[in-house]
C-alpha atoms as a PDB file:
ATOM      1  CA  MET A   1     -23.534 -46.881  50.505  1.00  0.00           C
ATOM      2  CA  CYS A   2     -24.502 -44.508  53.345  1.00  0.00           C
ATOM      3  CA  PHE A   3     -25.035 -40.745  53.331  1.00  0.00           C
ATOM      4  CA  ARG A   4     -23.084 -38.873  55.884  1.00  0.00           C
ATOM      5  CA  PRO A   5     -25.303 -36.917  58.299  1.00  0.00           C
ATOM      6  CA  THR A   6     -24.081 -33.559  56.977  1.00  0.00           C
ATOM      7  CA  VAL A   7     -24.821 -34.508  53.355  1.00  0.00           C
ATOM      8  CA  TYR A   8     -28.263 -35.839  54.295  1.00  0.00           C
ATOM      9  CA  LEU A   9     -29.045 -32.659  56.225  1.00  0.00           C
ATOM     10  CA  THR A  10     -27.958 -30.508  53.279  1.00  0.00           C
ATOM     11  CA  LEU A  11     -30.203 -32.420  50.883  1.00  0.00           C
ATOM     12  CA  LEU A  12     -33.102 -32.244  53.306  1.00  0.00           C
ATOM     13  CA  LEU A  13     -32.749 -28.475  53.656  1.00  0.00           C
ATOM     14  CA  PHE A  14     -32.510 -28.099  49.877  1.00  0.00           C
ATOM     15  CA  TRP A  15     -35.683 -30.144  49.401  1.00  0.00           C
ATOM     16  CA  PHE A  16     -37.493 -28.120  52.078  1.00  0.00           C
ATOM     17  CA  ALA A  17     -36.411 -24.827  50.502  1.00  0.00           C
ATOM     18  CA  SER A  18     -37.541 -26.004  47.058  1.00  0.00           C
ATOM     19  CA  CYS A  19     -40.951 -27.014  48.356  1.00  0.00           C
ATOM     20  CA  ASN A  20     -41.466 -23.653  50.016  1.00  0.00           C
ATOM     21  CA  GLN A  21     -39.961 -21.457  47.318  1.00  0.00           C
ATOM     22  CA  SER A  22     -43.286 -20.792  45.623  1.00  0.00           C
ATOM     23  CA  SER A  23     -44.869 -19.660  48.870  1.00  0.00           C
ATOM     24  CA  LYS A  24     -42.268 -16.897  49.127  1.00  0.00           C
ATOM     25  CA  ILE A  25     -42.886 -15.613  45.607  1.00  0.00           C
ATOM     26  CA  GLY A  26     -46.504 -14.554  45.628  1.00  0.00           C
ATOM     27  CA  ARG A  27     -48.176 -11.791  47.525  1.00  0.00           C
ATOM     28  CA  TYR A  28     -50.513 -12.962  50.272  1.00  0.00           C
ATOM     29  CA  ILE A  29     -54.008 -11.492  50.437  1.00  0.00           C
ATOM     30  CA  ALA A  30     -56.413 -12.965  52.961  1.00  0.00           C
ATOM     31  CA  GLU A  31     -59.720 -14.079  51.499  1.00  0.00           C
ATOM     32  CA  THR A  32     -61.409 -12.216  54.374  1.00  0.00           C
ATOM     33  CA  ASP A  33     -59.681  -8.882  53.670  1.00  0.00           C
ATOM     34  CA  THR A  34     -62.534  -6.497  52.840  1.00  0.00           C
ATOM     35  CA  ASN A  35     -60.102  -3.890  51.518  1.00  0.00           C
ATOM     36  CA  TYR A  36     -60.375  -5.846  48.274  1.00  0.00           C
ATOM     37  CA  THR A  37     -63.328  -6.665  46.035  1.00  0.00           C
ATOM     38  CA  GLN A  38     -65.058 -10.029  46.197  1.00  0.00           C
ATOM     39  CA  ASP A  39     -63.434 -11.071  42.908  1.00  0.00           C
ATOM     40  CA  ILE A  40     -59.979 -10.446  44.338  1.00  0.00           C
ATOM     41  CA  ARG A  41     -60.803 -12.267  47.561  1.00  0.00           C
ATOM     42  CA  ASP A  42     -62.167 -15.290  45.673  1.00  0.00           C
ATOM     43  CA  ILE A  43     -59.005 -15.655  43.594  1.00  0.00           C
ATOM     44  CA  SER A  44     -56.851 -15.019  46.653  1.00  0.00           C
ATOM     45  CA  ALA A  45     -58.532 -17.937  48.434  1.00  0.00           C
ATOM     46  CA  LYS A  46     -57.452 -20.197  45.575  1.00  0.00           C
ATOM     47  CA  ILE A  47     -53.926 -18.763  45.577  1.00  0.00           C
ATOM     48  CA  ASN A  48     -53.567 -19.335  49.304  1.00  0.00           C
ATOM     49  CA  LYS A  49     -54.383 -23.007  48.768  1.00  0.00           C
ATOM     50  CA  ASP A  50     -52.100 -23.311  45.741  1.00  0.00           C
ATOM     51  CA  PRO A  51     -49.392 -20.623  45.986  1.00  0.00           C
ATOM     52  CA  GLY A  52     -47.293 -22.184  43.244  1.00  0.00           C
ATOM     53  CA  ASN A  53     -49.968 -21.761  40.572  1.00  0.00           C
ATOM     54  CA  ALA A  54     -48.743 -19.056  38.178  1.00  0.00           C
ATOM     55  CA  ASP A  55     -52.059 -18.825  36.358  1.00  0.00           C
ATOM     56  CA  LEU A  56     -53.909 -17.845  39.511  1.00  0.00           C
ATOM     57  CA  TYR A  57     -51.603 -14.863  40.015  1.00  0.00           C
ATOM     58  CA  TYR A  58     -52.134 -13.993  36.354  1.00  0.00           C
ATOM     59  CA  LYS A  59     -55.914 -14.041  36.807  1.00  0.00           C
ATOM     60  CA  ARG A  60     -55.739 -11.901  39.912  1.00  0.00           C
ATOM     61  CA  GLY A  61     -53.376  -9.535  38.123  1.00  0.00           C
ATOM     62  CA  ASN A  62     -55.889  -9.168  35.296  1.00  0.00           C
ATOM     63  CA  THR A  63     -58.626  -8.410  37.794  1.00  0.00           C
ATOM     64  CA  PHE A  64     -56.502  -5.702  39.407  1.00  0.00           C
ATOM     65  CA  TYR A  65     -55.615  -4.375  35.951  1.00  0.00           C
ATOM     66  CA  TYR A  66     -59.236  -3.875  34.933  1.00  0.00           C
ATOM     67  CA  GLN A  67     -59.844  -2.187  38.273  1.00  0.00           C
ATOM     68  CA  LYS A  68     -57.021   0.194  37.241  1.00  0.00           C
ATOM     69  CA  LYS A  69     -54.950  -0.858  40.241  1.00  0.00           C
ATOM     70  CA  TYR A  70     -51.774  -1.145  38.243  1.00  0.00           C
ATOM     71  CA  GLN A  71     -49.334  -1.444  41.136  1.00  0.00           C
ATOM     72  CA  ASP A  72     -51.254  -4.437  42.515  1.00  0.00           C
ATOM     73  CA  ALA A  73     -51.585  -5.930  39.041  1.00  0.00           C
ATOM     74  CA  SER A  74     -47.863  -5.525  38.431  1.00  0.00           C
ATOM     75  CA  LEU A  75     -46.988  -7.448  41.594  1.00  0.00           C
ATOM     76  CA  ASP A  76     -49.173 -10.382  40.567  1.00  0.00           C
ATOM     77  CA  PHE A  77     -47.924 -10.473  36.977  1.00  0.00           C
ATOM     78  CA  GLN A  78     -44.395 -10.441  38.346  1.00  0.00           C
ATOM     79  CA  SER A  79     -45.260 -13.480  40.469  1.00  0.00           C
ATOM     80  CA  SER A  80     -46.609 -15.230  37.381  1.00  0.00           C
ATOM     81  CA  VAL A  81     -43.366 -14.566  35.516  1.00  0.00           C
ATOM     82  CA  MET A  82     -41.253 -15.812  38.431  1.00  0.00           C
ATOM     83  CA  LEU A  83     -43.269 -19.029  38.637  1.00  0.00           C
ATOM     84  CA  ASP A  84     -43.394 -19.625  34.884  1.00  0.00           C
ATOM     85  CA  SER A  85     -40.785 -17.670  32.964  1.00  0.00           C
ATOM     86  CA  GLN A  86     -41.611 -19.353  29.651  1.00  0.00           C
ATOM     87  CA  ASN A  87     -45.142 -18.004  29.332  1.00  0.00           C
ATOM     88  CA  ALA A  88     -45.209 -15.193  26.755  1.00  0.00           C
ATOM     89  CA  MET A  89     -48.527 -13.773  27.943  1.00  0.00           C
ATOM     90  CA  TYR A  90     -47.250 -13.368  31.491  1.00  0.00           C
ATOM     91  CA  HIS A  91     -44.276 -11.341  30.251  1.00  0.00           C
ATOM     92  CA  PHE A  92     -46.494  -9.248  27.987  1.00  0.00           C
ATOM     93  CA  ARG A  93     -48.978  -8.367  30.689  1.00  0.00           C
ATOM     94  CA  PHE A  94     -46.199  -7.600  33.160  1.00  0.00           C
ATOM     95  CA  GLY A  95     -44.454  -5.301  30.676  1.00  0.00           C
ATOM     96  CA  GLU A  96     -47.690  -3.626  29.642  1.00  0.00           C
ATOM     97  CA  THR A  97     -48.718  -2.996  33.252  1.00  0.00           C
ATOM     98  CA  ILE A  98     -45.333  -1.558  34.213  1.00  0.00           C
ATOM     99  CA  LEU A  99     -45.990   1.226  31.713  1.00  0.00           C
ATOM    100  CA  MET A 100     -49.360   1.997  33.301  1.00  0.00           C
ATOM    101  CA  LYS A 101     -47.927   2.651  36.748  1.00  0.00           C
ATOM    102  CA  ASP A 102     -47.396   6.169  38.073  1.00  0.00           C
ATOM    103  CA  THR A 103     -43.672   5.476  38.247  1.00  0.00           C
ATOM    104  CA  ALA A 104     -43.127   3.564  35.023  1.00  0.00           C
ATOM    105  CA  ASP A 105     -39.862   1.734  34.343  1.00  0.00           C
ATOM    106  CA  PRO A 106     -39.640   1.679  30.524  1.00  0.00           C
ATOM    107  CA  LEU A 107     -36.447  -0.379  30.450  1.00  0.00           C
ATOM    108  CA  LEU A 108     -37.949  -3.120  32.615  1.00  0.00           C
ATOM    109  CA  ALA A 109     -41.087  -3.056  30.489  1.00  0.00           C
ATOM    110  CA  MET A 110     -38.974  -3.322  27.358  1.00  0.00           C
ATOM    111  CA  LYS A 111     -37.173  -6.346  28.755  1.00  0.00           C
ATOM    112  CA  HIS A 112     -40.393  -8.263  29.327  1.00  0.00           C
ATOM    113  CA  LEU A 113     -42.041  -7.193  26.079  1.00  0.00           C
ATOM    114  CA  ARG A 114     -38.954  -8.370  24.192  1.00  0.00           C
ATOM    115  CA  LYS A 115     -39.121 -11.666  26.049  1.00  0.00           C
ATOM    116  CA  ALA A 116     -42.788 -12.080  25.135  1.00  0.00           C
ATOM    117  CA  THR A 117     -42.077 -11.621  21.425  1.00  0.00           C
ATOM    118  CA  LYS A 118     -39.215 -14.123  21.571  1.00  0.00           C
ATOM    119  CA  LEU A 119     -41.267 -16.771  23.365  1.00  0.00           C
ATOM    120  CA  LYS A 120     -44.246 -16.551  21.004  1.00  0.00           C
ATOM    121  CA  LYS A 121     -44.081 -16.007  17.267  1.00  0.00           C
ATOM    122  CA  SER A 122     -46.579 -13.635  15.679  1.00  0.00           C
ATOM    123  CA  PHE A 123     -47.472 -12.183  19.064  1.00  0.00           C
ATOM    124  CA  TYR A 124     -48.674  -8.999  17.404  1.00  0.00           C
ATOM    125  CA  GLU A 125     -50.118  -7.400  20.506  1.00  0.00           C
ATOM    126  CA  ALA A 126     -46.743  -7.585  22.234  1.00  0.00           C
ATOM    127  CA  GLU A 127     -44.903  -6.512  19.086  1.00  0.00           C
ATOM    128  CA  PHE A 128     -47.136  -3.454  18.801  1.00  0.00           C
ATOM    129  CA  ALA A 129     -46.631  -2.492  22.445  1.00  0.00           C
ATOM    130  CA  LEU A 130     -42.876  -2.890  22.024  1.00  0.00           C
ATOM    131  CA  ALA A 131     -42.806  -0.796  18.842  1.00  0.00           C
ATOM    132  CA  LYS A 132     -44.698   2.020  20.570  1.00  0.00           C
ATOM    133  CA  LEU A 133     -42.281   1.837  23.485  1.00  0.00           C
ATOM    134  CA  PHE A 134     -39.348   2.108  21.055  1.00  0.00           C
ATOM    135  CA  LEU A 135     -41.012   5.189  19.589  1.00  0.00           C
ATOM    136  CA  TYR A 136     -41.523   6.685  23.040  1.00  0.00           C
ATOM    137  CA  ARG A 137     -37.858   6.066  23.806  1.00  0.00           C
ATOM    138  CA  GLN A 138     -36.900   7.661  20.444  1.00  0.00           C
ATOM    139  CA  MET A 139     -35.372   4.390  19.270  1.00  0.00           C
ATOM    140  CA  TYR A 140     -36.599   5.210  15.811  1.00  0.00           C
ATOM    141  CA  ALA A 141     -34.864   2.458  13.826  1.00  0.00           C
ATOM    142  CA  ASP A 142     -36.267  -0.267  16.086  1.00  0.00           C
ATOM    143  CA  ALA A 143     -39.692   1.369  16.144  1.00  0.00           C
ATOM    144  CA  LYS A 144     -39.812   1.677  12.360  1.00  0.00           C
ATOM    145  CA  LYS A 145     -38.783  -1.921  11.826  1.00  0.00           C
ATOM    146  CA  GLY A 146     -41.494  -3.207  14.145  1.00  0.00           C
ATOM    147  CA  LEU A 147     -44.210  -0.899  12.804  1.00  0.00           C
ATOM    148  CA  GLU A 148     -43.428  -1.662   9.164  1.00  0.00           C
ATOM    149  CA  SER A 149     -43.759  -5.361   9.909  1.00  0.00           C
ATOM    150  CA  LEU A 150     -47.092  -4.799  11.670  1.00  0.00           C
ATOM    151  CA  SER A 151     -48.363  -2.649   8.783  1.00  0.00           C
ATOM    152  CA  GLU A 152     -48.610  -5.891   6.789  1.00  0.00           C
ATOM    153  CA  ILE A 153     -51.012  -7.355   9.347  1.00  0.00           C
ATOM    154  CA  SER A 154     -54.581  -6.302   8.555  1.00  0.00           C
ATOM    155  CA  GLU A 155     -55.586  -5.970  12.216  1.00  0.00           C
ATOM    156  CA  TYR A 156     -52.744  -3.519  12.881  1.00  0.00           C
ATOM    157  CA  ALA A 157     -52.312  -1.884   9.472  1.00  0.00           C
ATOM    158  CA  ASP A 158     -54.029   1.440  10.202  1.00  0.00           C
ATOM    159  CA  LYS A 159     -52.516   1.775  13.686  1.00  0.00           C
ATOM    160  CA  ALA A 160     -49.030   0.874  12.473  1.00  0.00           C
ATOM    161  CA  ASN A 161     -49.184   3.399   9.628  1.00  0.00           C
ATOM    162  CA  PHE A 162     -50.420   6.035  12.032  1.00  0.00           C
ATOM    163  CA  TYR A 163     -47.446   5.520  14.352  1.00  0.00           C
ATOM    164  CA  ILE A 164     -45.022   5.497  11.418  1.00  0.00           C
ATOM    165  CA  GLY A 165     -46.510   8.914  10.656  1.00  0.00           C
ATOM    166  CA  VAL A 166     -45.877   9.999  14.251  1.00  0.00           C
ATOM    167  CA  LEU A 167     -42.287   8.763  13.908  1.00  0.00           C
ATOM    168  CA  HIS A 168     -41.717  10.936  10.830  1.00  0.00           C
ATOM    169  CA  LYS A 169     -43.446  13.892  12.483  1.00  0.00           C
ATOM    170  CA  GLU A 170     -41.097  13.642  15.459  1.00  0.00           C
ATOM    171  CA  GLN A 171     -38.202  13.657  13.000  1.00  0.00           C
ATOM    172  CA  LYS A 172     -39.589  16.875  11.438  1.00  0.00           C
ATOM    173  CA  ASP A 173     -40.495  15.167   8.143  1.00  0.00           C
ATOM    174  CA  THR A 174     -44.059  16.457   7.936  1.00  0.00           C
ATOM    175  CA  ALA A 175     -44.526  15.473   4.281  1.00  0.00           C
ATOM    176  CA  ARG A 176     -43.872  11.795   4.980  1.00  0.00           C
ATOM    177  CA  ALA A 177     -45.834  12.034   8.220  1.00  0.00           C
ATOM    178  CA  MET A 178     -48.842  13.331   6.274  1.00  0.00           C
ATOM    179  CA  ALA A 179     -48.518  10.509   3.748  1.00  0.00           C
ATOM    180  CA  PHE A 180     -48.678   7.850   6.457  1.00  0.00           C
ATOM    181  CA  PHE A 181     -51.547   9.546   8.301  1.00  0.00           C
ATOM    182  CA  GLU A 182     -53.486   9.607   5.030  1.00  0.00           C
ATOM    183  CA  LYS A 183     -52.633   5.956   4.411  1.00  0.00           C
ATOM    184  CA  ALA A 184     -53.912   5.050   7.868  1.00  0.00           C
ATOM    185  CA  LEU A 185     -57.108   6.928   7.094  1.00  0.00           C
ATOM    186  CA  GLN A 186     -57.530   5.106   3.777  1.00  0.00           C
ATOM    187  CA  ILE A 187     -57.312   1.786   5.594  1.00  0.00           C
ATOM    188  CA  ASN A 188     -59.656   2.893   8.367  1.00  0.00           C
ATOM    189  CA  PRO A 189     -61.768   6.012   7.685  1.00  0.00           C
ATOM    190  CA  GLN A 190     -62.710   6.059  11.390  1.00  0.00           C
ATOM    191  CA  GLN A 191     -59.094   6.409  12.527  1.00  0.00           C
ATOM    192  CA  TYR A 192     -59.603   9.374  14.860  1.00  0.00           C
ATOM    193  CA  ASN A 193     -55.917   9.888  15.660  1.00  0.00           C
ATOM    194  CA  ALA A 194     -54.966  10.059  11.984  1.00  0.00           C
ATOM    195  CA  VAL A 195     -57.731  12.603  11.312  1.00  0.00           C
ATOM    196  CA  MET A 196     -56.544  14.765  14.204  1.00  0.00           C
ATOM    197  CA  GLN A 197     -52.922  14.685  13.093  1.00  0.00           C
ATOM    198  CA  ILE A 198     -53.888  15.686   9.548  1.00  0.00           C
ATOM    199  CA  ALA A 199     -56.037  18.488  10.963  1.00  0.00           C
ATOM    200  CA  LEU A 200     -53.148  19.783  13.067  1.00  0.00           C
ATOM    201  CA  LEU A 201     -50.658  19.623  10.196  1.00  0.00           C
ATOM    202  CA  LYS A 202     -53.081  21.437   7.889  1.00  0.00           C
ATOM    203  CA  ALA A 203     -53.757  24.010  10.612  1.00  0.00           C
ATOM    204  CA  ASN A 204     -50.037  24.653  11.063  1.00  0.00           C
ATOM    205  CA  LYS A 205     -49.850  25.445   7.350  1.00  0.00           C
ATOM    206  CA  GLY A 206     -52.805  27.806   7.646  1.00  0.00           C
ATOM    207  CA  GLU A 207     -54.974  25.721   5.308  1.00  0.00           C
ATOM    208  CA  ASP A 208     -58.694  26.180   5.846  1.00  0.00           C
ATOM    209  CA  ILE A 209     -59.309  22.522   5.033  1.00  0.00           C
ATOM    210  CA  ALA A 210     -58.059  21.915   8.585  1.00  0.00           C
ATOM    211  CA  LEU A 211     -61.526  22.929   9.777  1.00  0.00           C
ATOM    212  CA  LYS A 212     -63.099  20.073   7.802  1.00  0.00           C
ATOM    213  CA  TYR A 213     -60.709  17.619   9.420  1.00  0.00           C
ATOM    214  CA  PHE A 214     -61.505  18.944  12.894  1.00  0.00           C
ATOM    215  CA  ASP A 215     -65.203  18.493  12.063  1.00  0.00           C
ATOM    216  CA  ARG A 216     -64.463  14.993  10.793  1.00  0.00           C
ATOM    217  CA  ALA A 217     -62.713  14.183  14.052  1.00  0.00           C
ATOM    218  CA  LEU A 218     -65.773  15.428  15.932  1.00  0.00           C
ATOM    219  CA  ALA A 219     -68.006  13.263  13.742  1.00  0.00           C
ATOM    220  CA  ILE A 220     -65.953  10.270  14.875  1.00  0.00           C
ATOM    221  CA  ASN A 221     -65.806  11.404  18.494  1.00  0.00           C
ATOM    222  CA  GLU A 222     -68.331  14.090  19.396  1.00  0.00           C
ATOM    223  CA  PHE A 223     -66.911  14.286  22.922  1.00  0.00           C
ATOM    224  CA  SER A 224     -63.410  15.281  21.818  1.00  0.00           C
ATOM    225  CA  ASP A 225     -62.358  18.421  23.662  1.00  0.00           C
ATOM    226  CA  GLU A 226     -59.063  18.073  21.755  1.00  0.00           C
ATOM    227  CA  ALA A 227     -60.766  18.542  18.366  1.00  0.00           C
ATOM    228  CA  LEU A 228     -62.918  21.402  19.664  1.00  0.00           C
ATOM    229  CA  TYR A 229     -59.875  23.185  21.055  1.00  0.00           C
ATOM    230  CA  GLY A 230     -57.910  22.650  17.841  1.00  0.00           C
ATOM    231  CA  LYS A 231     -60.749  24.065  15.750  1.00  0.00           C
ATOM    232  CA  GLY A 232     -61.165  26.985  18.153  1.00  0.00           C
ATOM    233  CA  PHE A 233     -57.467  27.800  18.089  1.00  0.00           C
ATOM    234  CA  TYR A 234     -57.411  27.810  14.283  1.00  0.00           C
ATOM    235  CA  LEU A 235     -60.428  30.122  14.199  1.00  0.00           C
ATOM    236  CA  GLN A 236     -58.804  32.399  16.779  1.00  0.00           C
ATOM    237  CA  GLN A 237     -55.579  32.600  14.787  1.00  0.00           C
ATOM    238  CA  HIS A 238     -57.583  33.678  11.748  1.00  0.00           C
ATOM    239  CA  GLY A 239     -59.552  36.362  13.573  1.00  0.00           C
ATOM    240  CA  ASN A 240     -62.863  34.557  13.962  1.00  0.00           C
ATOM    241  CA  TYR A 241     -63.131  35.198  17.696  1.00  0.00           C
ATOM    242  CA  SER A 242     -66.854  34.563  18.143  1.00  0.00           C
ATOM    243  CA  ASP A 243     -66.762  31.056  16.643  1.00  0.00           C
ATOM    244  CA  ALA A 244     -63.501  30.346  18.444  1.00  0.00           C
ATOM    245  CA  VAL A 245     -65.120  31.126  21.803  1.00  0.00           C
ATOM    246  CA  LYS A 246     -68.017  28.812  20.944  1.00  0.00           C
ATOM    247  CA  CYS A 247     -65.558  25.992  20.380  1.00  0.00           C
ATOM    248  CA  TYR A 248     -63.683  26.792  23.586  1.00  0.00           C
ATOM    249  CA  ASP A 249     -66.939  26.885  25.558  1.00  0.00           C
ATOM    250  CA  GLN A 250     -67.889  23.450  24.223  1.00  0.00           C
ATOM    251  CA  ALA A 251     -64.423  22.110  25.008  1.00  0.00           C
ATOM    252  CA  ARG A 252     -64.722  23.400  28.578  1.00  0.00           C
ATOM    253  CA  LEU A 253     -68.143  21.800  28.976  1.00  0.00           C
ATOM    254  CA  LEU A 254     -66.556  18.466  28.099  1.00  0.00           C
ATOM    255  CA  ASN A 255     -63.430  19.155  30.119  1.00  0.00           C
ATOM    256  CA  PRO A 256     -63.798  21.838  32.825  1.00  0.00           C
ATOM    257  CA  GLN A 257     -60.062  21.527  33.498  1.00  0.00           C
ATOM    258  CA  HIS A 258     -59.101  22.591  29.959  1.00  0.00           C
ATOM    259  CA  ILE A 259     -56.703  25.364  30.882  1.00  0.00           C
ATOM    260  CA  LEU A 260     -55.779  26.430  27.339  1.00  0.00           C
ATOM    261  CA  ALA A 261     -59.413  26.826  26.281  1.00  0.00           C
ATOM    262  CA  LEU A 262     -60.039  28.942  29.369  1.00  0.00           C
ATOM    263  CA  TYR A 263     -56.915  31.055  28.827  1.00  0.00           C
ATOM    264  CA  ASN A 264     -57.713  31.695  25.168  1.00  0.00           C
ATOM    265  CA  THR A 265     -61.276  32.689  26.053  1.00  0.00           C
ATOM    266  CA  ALA A 266     -59.866  35.189  28.555  1.00  0.00           C
ATOM    267  CA  PHE A 267     -57.408  36.446  25.925  1.00  0.00           C
ATOM    268  CA  ILE A 268     -60.241  36.992  23.421  1.00  0.00           C
ATOM    269  CA  SER A 269     -62.303  38.781  26.077  1.00  0.00           C
ATOM    270  CA  LEU A 270     -59.446  41.220  26.582  1.00  0.00           C
ATOM    271  CA  ALA A 271     -59.056  41.638  22.806  1.00  0.00           C
ATOM    272  CA  ASN A 272     -62.760  42.493  22.690  1.00  0.00           C
ATOM    273  CA  ALA A 273     -62.195  45.089  25.453  1.00  0.00           C
ATOM    274  CA  ASP A 274     -64.241  43.106  27.966  1.00  0.00           C
ATOM    275  CA  CYS A 275     -61.707  43.529  30.760  1.00  0.00           C
ATOM    276  CA  THR A 276     -64.076  42.534  33.561  1.00  0.00           C
ATOM    277  CA  LYS A 277     -64.869  39.202  31.916  1.00  0.00           C
ATOM    278  CA  CYS A 278     -61.164  38.655  31.260  1.00  0.00           C
ATOM    279  CA  ILE A 279     -60.385  39.172  34.952  1.00  0.00           C
ATOM    280  CA  ASP A 280     -63.153  36.786  36.002  1.00  0.00           C
ATOM    281  CA  LEU A 281     -61.846  34.111  33.624  1.00  0.00           C
ATOM    282  CA  CYS A 282     -58.278  34.664  34.828  1.00  0.00           C
ATOM    283  CA  ASN A 283     -59.487  34.233  38.410  1.00  0.00           C
ATOM    284  CA  SER A 284     -60.856  30.813  37.425  1.00  0.00           C
ATOM    285  CA  LEU A 285     -57.640  30.043  35.587  1.00  0.00           C
ATOM    286  CA  VAL A 286     -55.488  30.846  38.619  1.00  0.00           C
ATOM    287  CA  GLN A 287     -57.673  28.580  40.736  1.00  0.00           C
ATOM    288  CA  LEU A 288     -57.142  25.739  38.274  1.00  0.00           C
ATOM    289  CA  ASN A 289     -53.436  26.423  37.868  1.00  0.00           C
ATOM    290  CA  PRO A 290     -51.838  28.685  40.507  1.00  0.00           C
ATOM    291  CA  ASN A 291     -48.504  28.416  38.676  1.00  0.00           C
ATOM    292  CA  SER A 292     -49.725  29.942  35.424  1.00  0.00           C
ATOM    293  CA  SER A 293     -47.565  33.027  34.937  1.00  0.00           C
ATOM    294  CA  ASN A 294     -49.498  33.865  31.764  1.00  0.00           C
ATOM    295  CA  ALA A 295     -52.767  33.988  33.698  1.00  0.00           C
ATOM    296  CA  TYR A 296     -51.325  36.555  36.114  1.00  0.00           C
ATOM    297  CA  ALA A 297     -49.818  38.568  33.253  1.00  0.00           C
ATOM    298  CA  LEU A 298     -53.103  38.592  31.345  1.00  0.00           C
ATOM    299  CA  ARG A 299     -55.037  39.593  34.450  1.00  0.00           C
ATOM    300  CA  GLY A 300     -52.481  42.347  35.023  1.00  0.00           C
ATOM    301  CA  GLU A 301     -53.041  43.666  31.505  1.00  0.00           C
ATOM    302  CA  ALA A 302     -56.817  43.679  32.034  1.00  0.00           C
ATOM    303  CA  HIS A 303     -56.396  45.672  35.282  1.00  0.00           C
ATOM    304  CA  LEU A 304     -54.057  48.076  33.533  1.00  0.00           C
ATOM    305  CA  LYS A 305     -56.599  48.716  30.769  1.00  0.00           C
ATOM    306  CA  LEU A 306     -59.138  49.503  33.507  1.00  0.00           C
ATOM    307  CA  GLY A 307     -56.688  51.994  34.988  1.00  0.00           C
ATOM    308  CA  ASN A 308     -55.966  49.951  38.109  1.00  0.00           C
ATOM    309  CA  LYS A 309     -52.178  50.202  38.085  1.00  0.00           C
ATOM    310  CA  LYS A 310     -51.721  48.818  41.594  1.00  0.00           C
ATOM    311  CA  ALA A 311     -53.592  45.594  40.835  1.00  0.00           C
ATOM    312  CA  ALA A 312     -51.849  45.376  37.474  1.00  0.00           C
ATOM    313  CA  LEU A 313     -48.412  45.671  39.085  1.00  0.00           C
ATOM    314  CA  GLU A 314     -49.281  43.023  41.684  1.00  0.00           C
ATOM    315  CA  ASN A 315     -50.277  40.596  38.937  1.00  0.00           C
ATOM    316  CA  TYR A 316     -47.240  41.344  36.795  1.00  0.00           C
ATOM    317  CA  ASN A 317     -44.940  40.748  39.775  1.00  0.00           C
ATOM    318  CA  ALA A 318     -46.762  37.500  40.561  1.00  0.00           C
ATOM    319  CA  ALA A 319     -46.209  36.402  36.953  1.00  0.00           C
ATOM    320  CA  LEU A 320     -42.487  37.205  37.136  1.00  0.00           C
ATOM    321  CA  LYS A 321     -42.147  35.370  40.425  1.00  0.00           C
ATOM    322  CA  ILE A 322     -43.291  32.209  38.632  1.00  0.00           C
ATOM    323  CA  ASP A 323     -41.492  32.951  35.365  1.00  0.00           C
ATOM    324  CA  PRO A 324     -38.832  35.676  35.472  1.00  0.00           C
ATOM    325  CA  ASN A 325     -38.791  35.716  31.659  1.00  0.00           C
ATOM    326  CA  ASN A 326     -42.489  36.436  31.155  1.00  0.00           C
ATOM    327  CA  ILE A 327     -42.337  39.118  28.443  1.00  0.00           C
ATOM    328  CA  PRO A 328     -45.907  40.503  28.759  1.00  0.00           C
ATOM    329  CA  ALA A 329     -45.336  40.998  32.500  1.00  0.00           C
ATOM    330  CA  LYS A 330     -41.997  42.760  31.907  1.00  0.00           C
ATOM    331  CA  THR A 331     -43.554  44.949  29.220  1.00  0.00           C
ATOM    332  CA  GLY A 332     -46.470  45.812  31.496  1.00  0.00           C
ATOM    333  CA  ILE A 333     -44.213  46.858  34.366  1.00  0.00           C
ATOM    334  CA  GLN A 334     -42.147  49.040  32.013  1.00  0.00           C
ATOM    335  CA  GLU A 335     -45.339  50.694  30.787  1.00  0.00           C
ATOM    336  CA  ILE A 336     -46.453  51.429  34.360  1.00  0.00           C
ATOM    337  CA  LYS A 337     -43.050  52.828  35.330  1.00  0.00           C
ATOM    338  CA  GLY A 338     -42.916  54.874  32.140  1.00  0.00           C
ATOM    339  CA  ASN A 339     -46.115  56.584  33.079  1.00  0.00           C
END
């Protein structure tokens, strides 16, 4: 039996396309390209010799990932998945990396995380990532199911209980949220996130024990500007301005970009009748965030207290230009016009 020329040509083209398919999947990086680190170039040299090797793309993707080059990592993990769609780890890493990109695609990430959990039983790392993504997407039933299952796994018990607490907090059930945060803390006394959430819930209720939880959070992580700010804000709300400012100053030392700590320090300065200091702090605040209508309004109030109505009016108008509903700015302008 003979093949007709057209049939033979079709088969030949199909075979040629199949042999070259893998070379069209992966991203080419020359081993001499000095835009990349030596590690990347070394793996790229191997990929260029064996472009159909999914594991090589996976290894290069991991290298990019730990260099925090998530877009590059995502492209390589995608190549791994295309070359070997039955590897659970490839799907997990691809889904995880998608969420790290500046322009995350949560639905695409969800697709690959789901695939990872289906391909590999007891893939807890993927299950945990998927449950957190469900929570982020407010798919509470799916998130709860996954987290409750993980709460039975010792390695994930404290983290799972913490996120179940977050789930209840988002649903405005603070009593149940508190119960799960406390459970997480019982399992792992060093669970910083659980300590912080308890501190914030206690602070919202005006309970002084919140201060002990903020201190506990700082004992776990002494470099937490979040805990310092939370403690400072509680102290400020309860009239202890001097200690509040100390906390804010420490928070700003750790994080010079902490806008709220800076704003509250300026607010306290004005409350203490130190208008000049308030203006100086507001100047710094405006430099950090030119779109802060509250900064302009507060600076306007400080100028008004100093008797500088012109500067006050300029700041109030600047605040209203950013936020037409800024009440302190409106009130300030009315006061100026009334006089």
